[in-house]
Protein backbone atom coordinates (compact mmCIF):
# COMPACT_ATOMS: atom_id res chain seq x y z
CA MET A 1 21.08 3.21 8.78
CA VAL A 2 17.54 0.95 8.33
CA ASP A 3 16.42 -0.72 4.93
CA LEU A 4 13.41 0.40 3.64
CA ASP A 5 11.38 -1.50 1.43
CA GLU A 6 9.02 -0.30 -0.84
CA LYS A 7 6.11 -1.85 -2.62
CA SER A 8 3.88 -0.24 -5.69
CA ILE A 9 0.09 -1.80 -5.69
CA SER A 10 -3.44 -0.96 -7.55
CA VAL A 11 -6.03 0.20 -6.05
CA PRO A 12 -9.71 0.36 -8.24
CA GLU A 13 -10.37 3.81 -8.84
CA HIS A 14 -14.13 3.78 -7.03
CA CYS A 15 -12.05 2.86 -3.33
CA ARG A 16 -9.21 5.01 -3.74
CA PRO A 17 -11.74 7.80 -1.62
CA TYR A 18 -12.10 4.46 0.95
CA VAL A 19 -8.52 4.01 1.42
CA ILE A 20 -7.60 7.72 1.60
CA GLY A 21 -10.65 8.51 4.44
CA LYS A 22 -11.90 11.69 4.89
CA GLY A 23 -9.16 14.39 5.39
CA GLY A 24 -6.40 11.42 4.90
CA SER A 25 -8.16 9.65 8.19
CA SER A 26 -7.89 5.77 7.13
CA ILE A 27 -4.29 6.34 5.01
CA ARG A 28 -3.07 8.11 8.07
CA ARG A 29 -4.14 5.37 10.25
CA ILE A 30 -2.85 2.87 7.75
CA GLU A 31 0.81 4.93 8.29
CA SER A 32 0.97 4.81 11.34
CA GLN A 33 -0.86 1.29 12.62
CA CYS A 34 2.00 -0.27 10.21
CA ASP A 35 4.95 2.13 10.90
CA ILE A 36 4.96 2.86 7.17
CA SER A 37 4.27 5.98 4.81
CA ILE A 38 2.09 5.44 1.74
CA ASP A 39 1.57 8.08 -1.52
CA VAL A 40 -0.78 7.64 -3.80
CA ASP A 41 -0.68 8.98 -7.34
CA ARG A 42 -4.53 10.28 -7.95
CA THR A 43 -4.40 9.79 -11.77
CA GLY A 44 -2.90 6.70 -12.30
CA GLY A 45 -4.24 5.08 -9.32
CA ARG A 46 -1.16 3.17 -7.79
CA ILE A 47 -0.64 3.41 -4.30
CA THR A 48 3.46 2.91 -3.00
CA LEU A 49 3.92 1.54 0.64
CA THR A 50 7.13 2.45 1.78
CA GLY A 51 8.91 1.01 5.12
CA GLY A 52 9.75 -2.12 6.30
CA ALA A 53 8.83 -5.41 4.87
CA SER A 54 6.76 -6.19 7.57
CA GLY A 55 4.47 -2.98 7.44
CA ILE A 56 4.02 -2.92 4.00
CA ALA A 57 2.30 -6.73 4.25
CA GLU A 58 0.45 -5.64 6.87
CA ALA A 59 -1.32 -2.13 4.92
CA GLU A 60 -0.85 -4.63 1.49
CA ALA A 61 -3.46 -6.38 3.99
CA LEU A 62 -5.22 -3.91 5.44
CA ILE A 63 -6.03 -1.75 2.22
CA GLY A 64 -6.92 -5.56 0.88
CA ILE A 65 -9.09 -5.13 3.30
CA ILE A 66 -11.37 -1.76 1.78
CA VAL A 67 -10.89 -2.32 -1.28
CA ASP A 68 -13.09 -5.65 -0.62
CA THR A 69 -15.71 -4.65 1.46
CA GLU A 70 -16.26 -1.38 -0.96
CA THR A 71 -16.49 -3.93 -4.25
CA VAL A 72 -19.20 -5.53 -2.57
CA GLU A 73 -21.40 -3.27 -1.90
């Protein structure tokens, strides 16, 4: 049995479309690259990452890069 961790992070509303990507492309790429699942709460702005601890950390870093990039522009 594999232990799955879960972490919920907050993403600013204006950044959510960039994290999700066109047709979900960005979120699917992050899920595949990090071997995790991502659930987006479209009303509350929370994103829940589920998977191994290293995958969650990598996904959180990737999402952070997207948020930082879109916040600067």
